[in-house]
Amino acid sequence: MSNIVVTIKRVVIGFLIGVVCFVLFVVFGGGEYVIKLGKKTEEVGIKLESYEKQIKDSAQGAKDRVVGTKDSAVKAFEGSKEKAKEAFVDAKQKATEGIAGVEDKAVGAIEEAGEKAKDSIRESAEEAARDTKEAVKDTKEKTEEYFSK
């Protein structure tokens, strides 16, 4: 029974201390502190929103760059494919015309077509790599700019 009485006393004393603290808070201008705290919290919230917007914009920019790079790589590859096809058709035509004893010319034309196709594909890959590097560099710069604030 004495444990219950002690516990009840502690609860009552804690309640009274809480009421006294609340009254002192109100008497000594606690409302002003709450207002100041609210204003500072609002300022921090506005700054966080601007950082969030910058990060989202940076991520969207990087995404757009990567998509653009992919599209340009696909277009370049399609162009390379067409050039290779044209070179092959040209080589085939030259080979057909020169079959009657001009085997060396046909081999040369096929090798030339192969070289043209390689060059075209290499150029397409280099262009795609440059675009990707640029997108990564841009994203890195924006991320570093964000975290340096």
N, C-alpha and C. Protein backbone atom coordinates (compact mmCIF):
# COMPACT_ATOMS: atom_id res chain seq x y z
N MET A 1 0.80 -1.19 0.00
CA MET A 1 0.00 0.00 0.00
C MET A 1 0.85 1.27 0.00
N SER A 2 1.94 1.21 0.71
CA SER A 2 2.79 2.40 0.78
C SER A 2 3.42 2.71 -0.58
N ASN A 3 3.64 1.68 -1.41
CA ASN A 3 4.16 1.92 -2.76
C ASN A 3 3.16 2.71 -3.61
N ILE A 4 1.90 2.41 -3.42
CA ILE A 4 0.87 3.11 -4.18
C ILE A 4 0.81 4.57 -3.74
N VAL A 5 0.91 4.81 -2.45
CA VAL A 5 0.86 6.17 -1.93
C VAL A 5 2.05 6.98 -2.45
N VAL A 6 3.23 6.35 -2.45
CA VAL A 6 4.43 7.03 -2.94
C VAL A 6 4.28 7.35 -4.43
N THR A 7 3.75 6.43 -5.18
CA THR A 7 3.54 6.65 -6.61
C THR A 7 2.55 7.78 -6.84
N ILE A 8 1.47 7.80 -6.11
CA ILE A 8 0.45 8.86 -6.25
C ILE A 8 1.08 10.21 -5.89
N LYS A 9 1.90 10.27 -4.82
CA LYS A 9 2.57 11.51 -4.44
C LYS A 9 3.47 12.01 -5.58
N ARG A 10 4.21 11.09 -6.18
CA ARG A 10 5.11 11.46 -7.28
C ARG A 10 4.34 12.02 -8.47
N VAL A 11 3.21 11.41 -8.80
CA VAL A 11 2.39 11.88 -9.91
C VAL A 11 1.85 13.28 -9.62
N VAL A 12 1.35 13.48 -8.40
CA VAL A 12 0.80 14.79 -8.02
C VAL A 12 1.90 15.85 -8.04
N ILE A 13 3.07 15.53 -7.49
CA ILE A 13 4.19 16.48 -7.47
C ILE A 13 4.62 16.80 -8.91
N GLY A 14 4.72 15.79 -9.76
CA GLY A 14 5.08 16.01 -11.16
C GLY A 14 4.07 16.89 -11.87
N PHE A 15 2.79 16.67 -11.59
CA PHE A 15 1.74 17.49 -12.20
C PHE A 15 1.88 18.94 -11.76
N LEU A 16 2.09 19.15 -10.44
CA LEU A 16 2.24 20.51 -9.90
C LEU A 16 3.46 21.21 -10.49
N ILE A 17 4.57 20.48 -10.60
CA ILE A 17 5.78 21.08 -11.21
C ILE A 17 5.48 21.47 -12.66
N GLY A 18 4.78 20.63 -13.38
CA GLY A 18 4.42 20.94 -14.77
C GLY A 18 3.56 22.19 -14.87
N VAL A 19 2.57 22.33 -13.98
CA VAL A 19 1.69 23.51 -13.98
C VAL A 19 2.50 24.76 -13.66
N VAL A 20 3.39 24.67 -12.66
CA VAL A 20 4.23 25.81 -12.29
C VAL A 20 5.11 26.22 -13.47
N CYS A 21 5.73 25.24 -14.13
CA CYS A 21 6.59 25.54 -15.29
C CYS A 21 5.78 26.21 -16.39
N PHE A 22 4.58 25.74 -16.66
CA PHE A 22 3.74 26.32 -17.70
C PHE A 22 3.38 27.77 -17.37
N VAL A 23 3.01 28.01 -16.12
CA VAL A 23 2.66 29.37 -15.68
C VAL A 23 3.87 30.28 -15.82
N LEU A 24 5.05 29.82 -15.41
CA LEU A 24 6.27 30.63 -15.55
C LEU A 24 6.58 30.91 -17.02
N PHE A 25 6.39 29.93 -17.87
CA PHE A 25 6.62 30.09 -19.30
C PHE A 25 5.73 31.19 -19.87
N VAL A 26 4.46 31.16 -19.50
CA VAL A 26 3.50 32.14 -20.00
C VAL A 26 3.82 33.52 -19.43
N VAL A 27 4.14 33.60 -18.13
CA VAL A 27 4.41 34.88 -17.48
C VAL A 27 5.66 35.55 -18.07
N PHE A 28 6.69 34.79 -18.35
CA PHE A 28 7.94 35.37 -18.84
C PHE A 28 8.01 35.45 -20.36
N GLY A 29 6.91 35.57 -21.03
CA GLY A 29 6.89 35.82 -22.47
C GLY A 29 7.13 34.58 -23.32
N GLY A 30 6.63 33.47 -22.94
CA GLY A 30 6.81 32.24 -23.70
C GLY A 30 6.21 32.29 -25.09
N GLY A 31 5.17 33.10 -25.24
CA GLY A 31 4.54 33.24 -26.56
C GLY A 31 5.49 33.84 -27.58
N GLU A 32 6.31 34.80 -27.15
CA GLU A 32 7.29 35.41 -28.05
C GLU A 32 8.31 34.37 -28.52
N TYR A 33 8.74 33.53 -27.58
CA TYR A 33 9.70 32.49 -27.95
C TYR A 33 9.10 31.53 -28.96
N VAL A 34 7.84 31.20 -28.76
CA VAL A 34 7.18 30.29 -29.69
C VAL A 34 7.05 30.95 -31.07
N ILE A 35 6.74 32.24 -31.11
CA ILE A 35 6.63 32.95 -32.38
C ILE A 35 7.98 32.98 -33.09
N LYS A 36 9.06 33.32 -32.34
CA LYS A 36 10.41 33.34 -32.93
C LYS A 36 10.79 31.97 -33.46
N LEU A 37 10.51 30.96 -32.65
CA LEU A 37 10.82 29.59 -33.06
C LEU A 37 10.06 29.23 -34.34
N GLY A 38 8.81 29.65 -34.42
CA GLY A 38 8.00 29.38 -35.62
C GLY A 38 8.56 30.07 -36.85
N LYS A 39 9.00 31.34 -36.69
CA LYS A 39 9.57 32.07 -37.82
C LYS A 39 10.85 31.41 -38.30
N LYS A 40 11.71 31.04 -37.36
CA LYS A 40 12.97 30.39 -37.74
C LYS A 40 12.69 29.05 -38.43
N THR A 41 11.73 28.33 -37.92
CA THR A 41 11.37 27.04 -38.53
C THR A 41 10.85 27.26 -39.95
N GLU A 42 10.07 28.31 -40.16
CA GLU A 42 9.56 28.61 -41.49
C GLU A 42 10.70 28.98 -42.45
N GLU A 43 11.67 29.77 -41.97
CA GLU A 43 12.83 30.13 -42.80
C GLU A 43 13.61 28.89 -43.22
N VAL A 44 13.82 28.00 -42.27
CA VAL A 44 14.55 26.76 -42.58
C VAL A 44 13.77 25.95 -43.60
N GLY A 45 12.45 25.91 -43.45
CA GLY A 45 11.61 25.18 -44.40
C GLY A 45 11.71 25.74 -45.80
N ILE A 46 11.76 27.06 -45.92
CA ILE A 46 11.88 27.71 -47.24
C ILE A 46 13.22 27.35 -47.87
N LYS A 47 14.30 27.40 -47.07
CA LYS A 47 15.62 27.04 -47.59
C LYS A 47 15.64 25.59 -48.05
N LEU A 48 15.03 24.71 -47.26
CA LEU A 48 14.99 23.30 -47.64
C LEU A 48 14.22 23.11 -48.94
N GLU A 49 13.14 23.84 -49.13
CA GLU A 49 12.39 23.73 -50.37
C GLU A 49 13.24 24.15 -51.57
N SER A 50 14.03 25.22 -51.40
CA SER A 50 14.87 25.66 -52.52
C SER A 50 15.93 24.62 -52.83
N TYR A 51 16.52 24.01 -51.79
CA TYR A 51 17.52 22.96 -52.03
C TYR A 51 16.87 21.76 -52.72
N GLU A 52 15.68 21.41 -52.28
CA GLU A 52 14.97 20.28 -52.88
C GLU A 52 14.70 20.56 -54.36
N LYS A 53 14.28 21.78 -54.67
CA LYS A 53 14.01 22.15 -56.06
C LYS A 53 15.28 22.07 -56.90
N GLN A 54 16.40 22.55 -56.35
CA GLN A 54 17.67 22.50 -57.08
C GLN A 54 18.08 21.05 -57.36
N ILE A 55 17.92 20.20 -56.37
CA ILE A 55 18.29 18.79 -56.56
C ILE A 55 17.39 18.14 -57.61
N LYS A 56 16.10 18.42 -57.52
CA LYS A 56 15.17 17.84 -58.50
C LYS A 56 15.48 18.35 -59.91
N ASP A 57 15.76 19.66 -60.03
CA ASP A 57 16.09 20.22 -61.33
C ASP A 57 17.38 19.60 -61.88
N SER A 58 18.36 19.44 -61.01
CA SER A 58 19.63 18.85 -61.43
C SER A 58 19.43 17.40 -61.89
N ALA A 59 18.65 16.66 -61.13
CA ALA A 59 18.39 15.27 -61.49
C ALA A 59 17.61 15.19 -62.80
N GLN A 60 16.63 16.08 -62.97
CA GLN A 60 15.86 16.08 -64.21
C GLN A 60 16.74 16.45 -65.39
N GLY A 61 17.63 17.43 -65.18
CA GLY A 61 18.56 17.82 -66.24
C GLY A 61 19.47 16.67 -66.64
N ALA A 62 19.96 15.95 -65.64
CA ALA A 62 20.81 14.80 -65.93
C ALA A 62 20.02 13.73 -66.68
N LYS A 63 18.79 13.52 -66.25
CA LYS A 63 17.95 12.51 -66.91
C LYS A 63 17.71 12.91 -68.37
N ASP A 64 17.39 14.19 -68.57
CA ASP A 64 17.16 14.67 -69.94
C ASP A 64 18.41 14.52 -70.79
N ARG A 65 19.57 14.81 -70.20
CA ARG A 65 20.84 14.68 -70.94
C ARG A 65 21.08 13.23 -71.34
N VAL A 66 20.84 12.32 -70.38
CA VAL A 66 21.08 10.90 -70.67
C VAL A 66 20.12 10.43 -71.76
N VAL A 67 18.86 10.85 -71.66
CA VAL A 67 17.88 10.46 -72.69
C VAL A 67 18.31 11.05 -74.04
N GLY A 68 18.75 12.32 -74.03
CA GLY A 68 19.22 12.94 -75.27
C GLY A 68 20.42 12.22 -75.83
N THR A 69 21.33 11.83 -74.95
CA THR A 69 22.52 11.09 -75.39
C THR A 69 22.11 9.76 -76.01
N LYS A 70 21.17 9.09 -75.35
CA LYS A 70 20.69 7.81 -75.88
C LYS A 70 20.07 8.01 -77.26
N ASP A 71 19.23 9.04 -77.37
CA ASP A 71 18.59 9.30 -78.66
C ASP A 71 19.61 9.62 -79.74
N SER A 72 20.61 10.45 -79.38
CA SER A 72 21.61 10.79 -80.40
C SER A 72 22.44 9.57 -80.76
N ALA A 73 22.71 8.70 -79.78
CA ALA A 73 23.46 7.48 -80.08
C ALA A 73 22.65 6.56 -81.00
N VAL A 74 21.36 6.47 -80.74
CA VAL A 74 20.49 5.63 -81.59
C VAL A 74 20.45 6.20 -83.01
N LYS A 75 20.31 7.52 -83.13
CA LYS A 75 20.28 8.14 -84.46
C LYS A 75 21.61 7.94 -85.18
N ALA A 76 22.69 8.12 -84.43
CA ALA A 76 24.01 7.95 -85.03
C ALA A 76 24.20 6.49 -85.47
N PHE A 77 23.73 5.56 -84.65
CA PHE A 77 23.86 4.16 -85.01
C PHE A 77 23.03 3.84 -86.24
N GLU A 78 21.81 4.40 -86.30
CA GLU A 78 20.96 4.18 -87.47
C GLU A 78 21.64 4.74 -88.72
N GLY A 79 22.22 5.94 -88.57
CA GLY A 79 22.94 6.52 -89.69
C GLY A 79 24.11 5.67 -90.10
N SER A 80 24.83 5.14 -89.11
CA SER A 80 25.97 4.27 -89.40
C SER A 80 25.51 3.00 -90.08
N LYS A 81 24.39 2.51 -89.62
CA LYS A 81 23.84 1.29 -90.21
C LYS A 81 23.50 1.52 -91.68
N GLU A 82 22.89 2.67 -91.96
CA GLU A 82 22.55 3.00 -93.34
C GLU A 82 23.81 3.17 -94.19
N LYS A 83 24.81 3.86 -93.63
CA LYS A 83 26.06 4.05 -94.37
C LYS A 83 26.74 2.70 -94.65
N ALA A 84 26.71 1.84 -93.64
CA ALA A 84 27.32 0.52 -93.83
C ALA A 84 26.56 -0.27 -94.89
N LYS A 85 25.23 -0.15 -94.86
CA LYS A 85 24.42 -0.86 -95.85
C LYS A 85 24.72 -0.33 -97.26
N GLU A 86 24.80 1.00 -97.38
CA GLU A 86 25.11 1.59 -98.67
C GLU A 86 26.50 1.16 -99.15
N ALA A 87 27.45 1.17 -98.23
CA ALA A 87 28.81 0.77 -98.58
C ALA A 87 28.84 -0.71 -99.01
N PHE A 88 28.07 -1.53 -98.32
CA PHE A 88 28.03 -2.94 -98.67
C PHE A 88 27.38 -3.14 -100.04
N VAL A 89 26.27 -2.42 -100.29
CA VAL A 89 25.60 -2.52 -101.60
C VAL A 89 26.55 -2.04 -102.69
N ASP A 90 27.25 -0.94 -102.41
CA ASP A 90 28.21 -0.41 -103.37
C ASP A 90 29.32 -1.43 -103.62
N ALA A 91 29.82 -2.04 -102.56
CA ALA A 91 30.87 -3.05 -102.71
C ALA A 91 30.35 -4.27 -103.47
N LYS A 92 29.12 -4.63 -103.17
CA LYS A 92 28.53 -5.79 -103.86
C LYS A 92 28.39 -5.49 -105.36
N GLN A 93 27.97 -4.28 -105.66
CA GLN A 93 27.81 -3.90 -107.07
C GLN A 93 29.17 -3.90 -107.76
N LYS A 94 30.17 -3.32 -107.08
CA LYS A 94 31.50 -3.31 -107.67
C LYS A 94 32.04 -4.72 -107.84
N ALA A 95 31.76 -5.56 -106.87
CA ALA A 95 32.23 -6.94 -106.97
C ALA A 95 31.55 -7.67 -108.11
N THR A 96 30.24 -7.43 -108.26
CA THR A 96 29.50 -8.08 -109.34
C THR A 96 30.03 -7.63 -110.70
N GLU A 97 30.31 -6.34 -110.82
CA GLU A 97 30.82 -5.82 -112.09
C GLU A 97 32.23 -6.34 -112.38
N GLY A 98 32.98 -6.54 -111.33
CA GLY A 98 34.37 -6.93 -111.56
C GLY A 98 34.66 -8.40 -111.43
N ILE A 99 33.61 -9.22 -111.36
CA ILE A 99 33.82 -10.66 -111.16
C ILE A 99 34.64 -11.29 -112.27
N ALA A 100 34.49 -10.78 -113.45
CA ALA A 100 35.19 -11.39 -114.58
C ALA A 100 36.66 -11.03 -114.55
N GLY A 101 37.35 -11.53 -113.57
CA GLY A 101 38.80 -11.36 -113.53
C GLY A 101 39.29 -10.21 -112.69
N VAL A 102 38.42 -9.55 -111.89
CA VAL A 102 38.88 -8.42 -111.10
C VAL A 102 38.63 -8.72 -109.62
N GLU A 103 39.07 -9.84 -109.20
CA GLU A 103 38.85 -10.29 -107.82
C GLU A 103 39.48 -9.32 -106.81
N ASP A 104 40.63 -8.78 -107.12
CA ASP A 104 41.30 -7.86 -106.20
C ASP A 104 40.47 -6.60 -105.94
N LYS A 105 39.81 -6.09 -106.98
CA LYS A 105 38.99 -4.90 -106.81
C LYS A 105 37.82 -5.17 -105.87
N ALA A 106 37.20 -6.33 -105.99
CA ALA A 106 36.07 -6.69 -105.14
C ALA A 106 36.51 -6.79 -103.69
N VAL A 107 37.63 -7.44 -103.46
CA VAL A 107 38.14 -7.56 -102.08
C VAL A 107 38.42 -6.18 -101.51
N GLY A 108 39.03 -5.33 -102.32
CA GLY A 108 39.32 -3.96 -101.87
C GLY A 108 38.06 -3.18 -101.55
N ALA A 109 37.05 -3.35 -102.37
CA ALA A 109 35.80 -2.63 -102.15
C ALA A 109 35.13 -3.11 -100.85
N ILE A 110 35.18 -4.41 -100.61
CA ILE A 110 34.59 -4.95 -99.38
C ILE A 110 35.37 -4.45 -98.17
N GLU A 111 36.70 -4.45 -98.28
CA GLU A 111 37.51 -3.94 -97.17
C GLU A 111 37.22 -2.46 -96.93
N GLU A 112 37.07 -1.71 -98.01
CA GLU A 112 36.75 -0.28 -97.89
C GLU A 112 35.40 -0.10 -97.21
N ALA A 113 34.43 -0.91 -97.60
CA ALA A 113 33.10 -0.83 -96.98
C ALA A 113 33.20 -1.16 -95.50
N GLY A 114 33.98 -2.18 -95.17
CA GLY A 114 34.17 -2.53 -93.76
C GLY A 114 34.81 -1.41 -92.98
N GLU A 115 35.80 -0.75 -93.55
CA GLU A 115 36.48 0.37 -92.89
C GLU A 115 35.53 1.55 -92.70
N LYS A 116 34.73 1.81 -93.76
CA LYS A 116 33.75 2.90 -93.63
C LYS A 116 32.75 2.60 -92.51
N ALA A 117 32.30 1.37 -92.44
CA ALA A 117 31.36 0.98 -91.39
C ALA A 117 32.01 1.12 -90.01
N LYS A 118 33.27 0.66 -89.90
CA LYS A 118 33.98 0.78 -88.62
C LYS A 118 34.12 2.25 -88.21
N ASP A 119 34.53 3.08 -89.17
CA ASP A 119 34.72 4.50 -88.87
C ASP A 119 33.40 5.14 -88.45
N SER A 120 32.35 4.81 -89.15
CA SER A 120 31.06 5.39 -88.84
C SER A 120 30.58 4.97 -87.45
N ILE A 121 30.76 3.70 -87.13
CA ILE A 121 30.36 3.20 -85.81
C ILE A 121 31.24 3.81 -84.73
N ARG A 122 32.53 3.93 -84.99
CA ARG A 122 33.45 4.53 -84.02
C ARG A 122 33.05 5.99 -83.74
N GLU A 123 32.73 6.72 -84.82
CA GLU A 123 32.32 8.12 -84.64
C GLU A 123 31.04 8.20 -83.82
N SER A 124 30.11 7.31 -84.08
CA SER A 124 28.86 7.30 -83.32
C SER A 124 29.11 7.01 -81.86
N ALA A 125 29.96 6.05 -81.57
CA ALA A 125 30.27 5.69 -80.19
C ALA A 125 30.99 6.84 -79.49
N GLU A 126 31.91 7.50 -80.18
CA GLU A 126 32.63 8.62 -79.58
C GLU A 126 31.68 9.78 -79.27
N GLU A 127 30.75 10.03 -80.18
CA GLU A 127 29.79 11.10 -79.95
C GLU A 127 28.90 10.78 -78.75
N ALA A 128 28.45 9.54 -78.65
CA ALA A 128 27.62 9.14 -77.52
C ALA A 128 28.42 9.24 -76.22
N ALA A 129 29.69 8.84 -76.26
CA ALA A 129 30.54 8.92 -75.06
C ALA A 129 30.74 10.37 -74.63
N ARG A 130 30.96 11.26 -75.60
CA ARG A 130 31.13 12.69 -75.26
C ARG A 130 29.87 13.23 -74.61
N ASP A 131 28.72 12.91 -75.18
CA ASP A 131 27.46 13.40 -74.62
C ASP A 131 27.25 12.87 -73.21
N THR A 132 27.56 11.60 -73.00
CA THR A 132 27.40 11.00 -71.67
C THR A 132 28.35 11.65 -70.67
N LYS A 133 29.61 11.86 -71.07
CA LYS A 133 30.57 12.51 -70.18
C LYS A 133 30.09 13.90 -69.80
N GLU A 134 29.56 14.61 -70.78
CA GLU A 134 29.09 15.96 -70.52
C GLU A 134 27.92 15.94 -69.53
N ALA A 135 27.01 14.99 -69.69
CA ALA A 135 25.87 14.89 -68.79
C ALA A 135 26.34 14.54 -67.38
N VAL A 136 27.27 13.63 -67.26
CA VAL A 136 27.79 13.24 -65.95
C VAL A 136 28.51 14.42 -65.31
N LYS A 137 29.31 15.14 -66.08
CA LYS A 137 30.05 16.30 -65.57
C LYS A 137 29.07 17.36 -65.07
N ASP A 138 28.03 17.62 -65.84
CA ASP A 138 27.04 18.61 -65.46
C ASP A 138 26.34 18.21 -64.17
N THR A 139 25.97 16.95 -64.06
CA THR A 139 25.31 16.45 -62.85
C THR A 139 26.25 16.55 -61.66
N LYS A 140 27.50 16.20 -61.86
CA LYS A 140 28.49 16.27 -60.78
C LYS A 140 28.66 17.70 -60.31
N GLU A 141 28.76 18.65 -61.25
CA GLU A 141 28.93 20.05 -60.88
C GLU A 141 27.73 20.55 -60.09
N LYS A 142 26.53 20.22 -60.54
CA LYS A 142 25.34 20.68 -59.82
C LYS A 142 25.24 20.05 -58.43
N THR A 143 25.64 18.79 -58.33
CA THR A 143 25.61 18.12 -57.03
C THR A 143 26.65 18.74 -56.10
N GLU A 144 27.86 18.99 -56.60
CA GLU A 144 28.88 19.63 -55.78
C GLU A 144 28.45 21.03 -55.37
N GLU A 145 27.81 21.73 -56.29
CA GLU A 145 27.32 23.08 -55.98
C GLU A 145 26.28 23.01 -54.88
N TYR A 146 25.43 22.05 -54.93
CA TYR A 146 24.40 21.89 -53.90
C TYR A 146 25.02 21.59 -52.55
N PHE A 147 25.94 20.65 -52.49
CA PHE A 147 26.49 20.25 -51.22
C PHE A 147 27.53 21.24 -50.70
N SER A 148 27.98 22.16 -51.52
CA SER A 148 28.94 23.15 -51.05
C SER A 148 28.22 24.30 -50.34
N LYS A 149 26.91 24.37 -50.45
CA LYS A 149 26.14 25.46 -49.80
C LYS A 149 25.99 25.19 -48.35
